Each structure stands twice: as C-alpha cells, then as structure tokens.
Amino acid sequence: MASQRNGTLYVGVTGALRERVYQHREALIDGFTKQYGVKILVHFEFFASMPEAIAREKQVKKMLRKVKLELIERGNPQWRDLWLDIQ
C-alpha cells in the first residue's frame, strides 16, 4: 500500500485482503498506515499458504526502496488504486 505515487510504502500480510484494505483506507486502526495516510492499494500477491505469504512479506520488507518501486511499477505502472479490482 502507498500514500501516493512514490510516497510512503507499507508492506503487510493478511488472510482477508478486502477487509484489511478497507481498514487501512478508512483509518480504522491506529498505527503506521493511519499516521502516514497510507490508503492506496498499489500491489498485492496471493499465496497458497500463510507461511509462503509471510516468507514473501519478509523478503519484500528487506528490499531496497528502489526495488519495491520497481516491483509496483512492473505490475501497476500508473499506480492505480487496485481497491476496485478486489471488490
């Protein structure tokens, strides 16, 4: 998730993508995303199991910012809010 194009980025894992994105968009949970206005879903990946998803989350969190931006732009070059795609 992002605050805007090339803005603040947030990486997380969930078993309920729609619900979690909604919580971030509506700032329902105190914390990083609420504090920095991170409300735009710009990239997501699905995995067969939670251990796989957690491993990928850790991998992405360790990436340099430049690599994270490249990952987003490969799949979403316009930085569209993908929220509507998961409805």
N, C-alpha and C. Protein backbone atom coordinates (compact mmCIF):
# COMPACT_ATOMS: atom_id res chain seq x y z
N MET A 1 0.85 -1.16 0.00
CA MET A 1 0.00 0.00 0.00
C MET A 1 0.89 1.22 0.00
N ALA A 2 0.33 2.35 -0.45
CA ALA A 2 1.10 3.59 -0.55
C ALA A 2 0.24 4.78 -0.17
N SER A 3 0.91 5.87 0.18
CA SER A 3 0.20 7.11 0.47
C SER A 3 -0.10 7.87 -0.82
N GLN A 4 0.77 7.71 -1.81
CA GLN A 4 0.65 8.33 -3.13
C GLN A 4 1.75 7.74 -4.00
N ARG A 5 1.79 8.11 -5.26
CA ARG A 5 2.86 7.63 -6.14
C ARG A 5 4.21 8.04 -5.55
N ASN A 6 5.09 7.08 -5.42
CA ASN A 6 6.42 7.28 -4.85
C ASN A 6 6.39 7.81 -3.42
N GLY A 7 5.27 7.63 -2.73
CA GLY A 7 5.14 8.11 -1.36
C GLY A 7 5.53 7.06 -0.35
N THR A 8 4.96 7.17 0.82
CA THR A 8 5.22 6.22 1.90
C THR A 8 4.65 4.86 1.51
N LEU A 9 5.42 3.80 1.75
CA LEU A 9 5.01 2.44 1.42
C LEU A 9 4.77 1.63 2.68
N TYR A 10 3.85 0.69 2.58
CA TYR A 10 3.56 -0.23 3.67
C TYR A 10 3.46 -1.63 3.09
N VAL A 11 4.12 -2.58 3.71
CA VAL A 11 4.06 -3.98 3.31
C VAL A 11 3.45 -4.77 4.46
N GLY A 12 2.46 -5.58 4.16
CA GLY A 12 1.83 -6.39 5.19
C GLY A 12 1.30 -7.69 4.62
N VAL A 13 0.85 -8.54 5.50
CA VAL A 13 0.28 -9.83 5.10
C VAL A 13 -1.06 -10.00 5.81
N THR A 14 -2.00 -10.62 5.12
CA THR A 14 -3.33 -10.85 5.69
C THR A 14 -3.98 -12.04 5.02
N GLY A 15 -4.90 -12.64 5.71
CA GLY A 15 -5.71 -13.71 5.13
C GLY A 15 -7.04 -13.19 4.63
N ALA A 16 -7.26 -11.88 4.77
CA ALA A 16 -8.54 -11.26 4.38
C ALA A 16 -8.23 -9.91 3.73
N LEU A 17 -7.82 -9.93 2.47
CA LEU A 17 -7.34 -8.73 1.79
C LEU A 17 -8.37 -7.61 1.76
N ARG A 18 -9.59 -7.90 1.31
CA ARG A 18 -10.61 -6.84 1.20
C ARG A 18 -10.84 -6.13 2.54
N GLU A 19 -11.01 -6.93 3.58
CA GLU A 19 -11.29 -6.37 4.90
C GLU A 19 -10.11 -5.53 5.40
N ARG A 20 -8.90 -6.03 5.21
CA ARG A 20 -7.72 -5.33 5.71
C ARG A 20 -7.50 -4.02 4.95
N VAL A 21 -7.66 -4.05 3.64
CA VAL A 21 -7.50 -2.82 2.86
C VAL A 21 -8.56 -1.80 3.28
N TYR A 22 -9.78 -2.26 3.49
CA TYR A 22 -10.84 -1.35 3.95
C TYR A 22 -10.44 -0.69 5.27
N GLN A 23 -9.91 -1.47 6.19
CA GLN A 23 -9.49 -0.92 7.48
C GLN A 23 -8.43 0.17 7.30
N HIS A 24 -7.48 -0.07 6.40
CA HIS A 24 -6.44 0.93 6.15
C HIS A 24 -7.04 2.17 5.47
N ARG A 25 -7.88 1.95 4.47
CA ARG A 25 -8.47 3.07 3.72
C ARG A 25 -9.28 3.99 4.63
N GLU A 26 -9.99 3.40 5.56
CA GLU A 26 -10.85 4.16 6.45
C GLU A 26 -10.15 4.59 7.74
N ALA A 27 -8.87 4.28 7.85
CA ALA A 27 -8.06 4.63 9.03
C ALA A 27 -8.72 4.13 10.32
N LEU A 28 -9.17 2.89 10.29
CA LEU A 28 -9.87 2.31 11.45
C LEU A 28 -8.92 1.78 12.51
N ILE A 29 -7.65 1.60 12.15
CA ILE A 29 -6.68 1.04 13.07
C ILE A 29 -5.56 2.04 13.29
N ASP A 30 -5.29 2.33 14.55
CA ASP A 30 -4.17 3.22 14.86
C ASP A 30 -2.86 2.55 14.48
N GLY A 31 -1.94 3.36 14.02
CA GLY A 31 -0.63 2.82 13.69
C GLY A 31 -0.03 3.51 12.48
N PHE A 32 0.92 2.83 11.86
CA PHE A 32 1.71 3.38 10.78
C PHE A 32 0.86 3.90 9.61
N THR A 33 -0.05 3.06 9.11
CA THR A 33 -0.82 3.46 7.93
C THR A 33 -1.73 4.65 8.21
N LYS A 34 -2.30 4.70 9.39
CA LYS A 34 -3.14 5.83 9.76
C LYS A 34 -2.29 7.09 9.91
N GLN A 35 -1.16 6.97 10.58
CA GLN A 35 -0.28 8.12 10.83
C GLN A 35 0.24 8.73 9.53
N TYR A 36 0.56 7.88 8.55
CA TYR A 36 1.18 8.38 7.31
C TYR A 36 0.22 8.42 6.12
N GLY A 37 -1.06 8.18 6.35
CA GLY A 37 -2.05 8.28 5.29
C GLY A 37 -1.87 7.27 4.17
N VAL A 38 -1.48 6.07 4.53
CA VAL A 38 -1.25 5.01 3.55
C VAL A 38 -2.59 4.33 3.29
N LYS A 39 -3.20 4.64 2.14
CA LYS A 39 -4.56 4.17 1.87
C LYS A 39 -4.76 3.59 0.47
N ILE A 40 -3.74 3.62 -0.37
CA ILE A 40 -3.88 3.19 -1.76
C ILE A 40 -3.27 1.81 -1.95
N LEU A 41 -4.07 0.86 -2.40
CA LEU A 41 -3.57 -0.48 -2.70
C LEU A 41 -2.91 -0.44 -4.07
N VAL A 42 -1.60 -0.61 -4.11
CA VAL A 42 -0.87 -0.50 -5.38
C VAL A 42 -0.28 -1.83 -5.83
N HIS A 43 -0.24 -2.81 -4.96
CA HIS A 43 0.32 -4.12 -5.33
C HIS A 43 -0.19 -5.15 -4.33
N PHE A 44 -0.47 -6.34 -4.83
CA PHE A 44 -0.78 -7.46 -3.94
C PHE A 44 -0.43 -8.75 -4.63
N GLU A 45 -0.19 -9.77 -3.84
CA GLU A 45 0.13 -11.10 -4.34
C GLU A 45 -0.65 -12.11 -3.50
N PHE A 46 -1.06 -13.21 -4.13
CA PHE A 46 -1.74 -14.28 -3.43
C PHE A 46 -0.82 -15.49 -3.31
N PHE A 47 -0.96 -16.23 -2.21
CA PHE A 47 -0.15 -17.42 -1.97
C PHE A 47 -1.04 -18.55 -1.49
N ALA A 48 -0.57 -19.78 -1.71
CA ALA A 48 -1.34 -20.96 -1.34
C ALA A 48 -1.41 -21.17 0.16
N SER A 49 -0.42 -20.65 0.88
CA SER A 49 -0.41 -20.85 2.33
C SER A 49 0.10 -19.60 3.04
N MET A 50 -0.27 -19.47 4.32
CA MET A 50 0.18 -18.33 5.11
C MET A 50 1.70 -18.36 5.31
N PRO A 51 2.33 -19.50 5.55
CA PRO A 51 3.80 -19.48 5.66
C PRO A 51 4.49 -18.95 4.41
N GLU A 52 3.97 -19.27 3.23
CA GLU A 52 4.53 -18.72 1.99
C GLU A 52 4.34 -17.20 1.95
N ALA A 53 3.17 -16.75 2.34
CA ALA A 53 2.87 -15.31 2.32
C ALA A 53 3.77 -14.56 3.29
N ILE A 54 3.97 -15.11 4.46
CA ILE A 54 4.82 -14.46 5.47
C ILE A 54 6.26 -14.41 4.99
N ALA A 55 6.73 -15.49 4.36
CA ALA A 55 8.09 -15.50 3.83
C ALA A 55 8.26 -14.41 2.77
N ARG A 56 7.27 -14.26 1.90
CA ARG A 56 7.33 -13.22 0.86
C ARG A 56 7.29 -11.82 1.49
N GLU A 57 6.44 -11.64 2.50
CA GLU A 57 6.37 -10.35 3.19
C GLU A 57 7.75 -9.97 3.74
N LYS A 58 8.40 -10.90 4.39
CA LYS A 58 9.73 -10.64 4.95
C LYS A 58 10.73 -10.30 3.86
N GLN A 59 10.62 -11.02 2.73
CA GLN A 59 11.52 -10.77 1.59
C GLN A 59 11.31 -9.35 1.05
N VAL A 60 10.07 -8.95 0.86
CA VAL A 60 9.77 -7.62 0.32
C VAL A 60 10.19 -6.53 1.31
N LYS A 61 9.95 -6.75 2.59
CA LYS A 61 10.32 -5.74 3.58
C LYS A 61 11.83 -5.49 3.59
N LYS A 62 12.62 -6.50 3.25
CA LYS A 62 14.08 -6.35 3.23
C LYS A 62 14.59 -5.68 1.94
N MET A 63 13.74 -5.59 0.94
CA MET A 63 14.15 -5.00 -0.34
C MET A 63 14.48 -3.52 -0.18
N LEU A 64 15.40 -3.06 -0.98
CA LEU A 64 15.65 -1.63 -1.07
C LEU A 64 14.40 -0.93 -1.59
N ARG A 65 14.20 0.29 -1.21
CA ARG A 65 13.04 1.05 -1.67
C ARG A 65 12.95 1.06 -3.19
N LYS A 66 14.08 1.23 -3.86
CA LYS A 66 14.11 1.26 -5.32
C LYS A 66 13.54 -0.03 -5.91
N VAL A 67 13.86 -1.15 -5.32
CA VAL A 67 13.38 -2.44 -5.81
C VAL A 67 11.88 -2.58 -5.55
N LYS A 68 11.42 -2.07 -4.41
CA LYS A 68 9.97 -2.09 -4.13
C LYS A 68 9.22 -1.26 -5.16
N LEU A 69 9.75 -0.10 -5.49
CA LEU A 69 9.11 0.76 -6.50
C LEU A 69 9.08 0.06 -7.86
N GLU A 70 10.15 -0.62 -8.20
CA GLU A 70 10.20 -1.36 -9.47
C GLU A 70 9.16 -2.49 -9.47
N LEU A 71 9.00 -3.17 -8.35
CA LEU A 71 8.01 -4.24 -8.23
C LEU A 71 6.61 -3.68 -8.47
N ILE A 72 6.30 -2.56 -7.85
CA ILE A 72 4.99 -1.93 -8.03
C ILE A 72 4.80 -1.53 -9.50
N GLU A 73 5.79 -0.88 -10.07
CA GLU A 73 5.63 -0.33 -11.41
C GLU A 73 5.61 -1.39 -12.51
N ARG A 74 6.18 -2.58 -12.24
CA ARG A 74 6.08 -3.67 -13.23
C ARG A 74 4.63 -4.09 -13.42
N GLY A 75 3.89 -4.17 -12.33
CA GLY A 75 2.50 -4.62 -12.41
C GLY A 75 1.46 -3.51 -12.43
N ASN A 76 1.88 -2.31 -12.04
CA ASN A 76 0.94 -1.20 -11.91
C ASN A 76 1.66 0.12 -12.24
N PRO A 77 2.05 0.29 -13.51
CA PRO A 77 2.86 1.46 -13.87
C PRO A 77 2.18 2.81 -13.62
N GLN A 78 0.88 2.85 -13.57
CA GLN A 78 0.16 4.10 -13.33
C GLN A 78 -0.14 4.31 -11.85
N TRP A 79 0.26 3.37 -11.02
CA TRP A 79 -0.03 3.44 -9.58
C TRP A 79 -1.54 3.58 -9.33
N ARG A 80 -2.34 2.87 -10.12
CA ARG A 80 -3.79 2.87 -9.91
C ARG A 80 -4.11 2.28 -8.54
N ASP A 81 -5.17 2.74 -7.93
CA ASP A 81 -5.65 2.14 -6.69
C ASP A 81 -6.35 0.84 -7.07
N LEU A 82 -5.80 -0.28 -6.65
CA LEU A 82 -6.33 -1.59 -7.03
C LEU A 82 -7.50 -2.03 -6.16
N TRP A 83 -7.93 -1.16 -5.26
CA TRP A 83 -9.06 -1.44 -4.38
C TRP A 83 -10.28 -1.90 -5.18
N LEU A 84 -10.58 -1.21 -6.27
CA LEU A 84 -11.76 -1.57 -7.06
C LEU A 84 -11.62 -2.95 -7.72
N ASP A 85 -10.39 -3.37 -7.97
CA ASP A 85 -10.15 -4.67 -8.60
C ASP A 85 -10.43 -5.83 -7.66
N ILE A 86 -10.43 -5.60 -6.38
CA ILE A 86 -10.66 -6.71 -5.43
C ILE A 86 -12.07 -6.70 -4.85
N GLN A 87 -12.92 -5.80 -5.31
CA GLN A 87 -14.30 -5.72 -4.81
C GLN A 87 -15.14 -6.87 -5.31
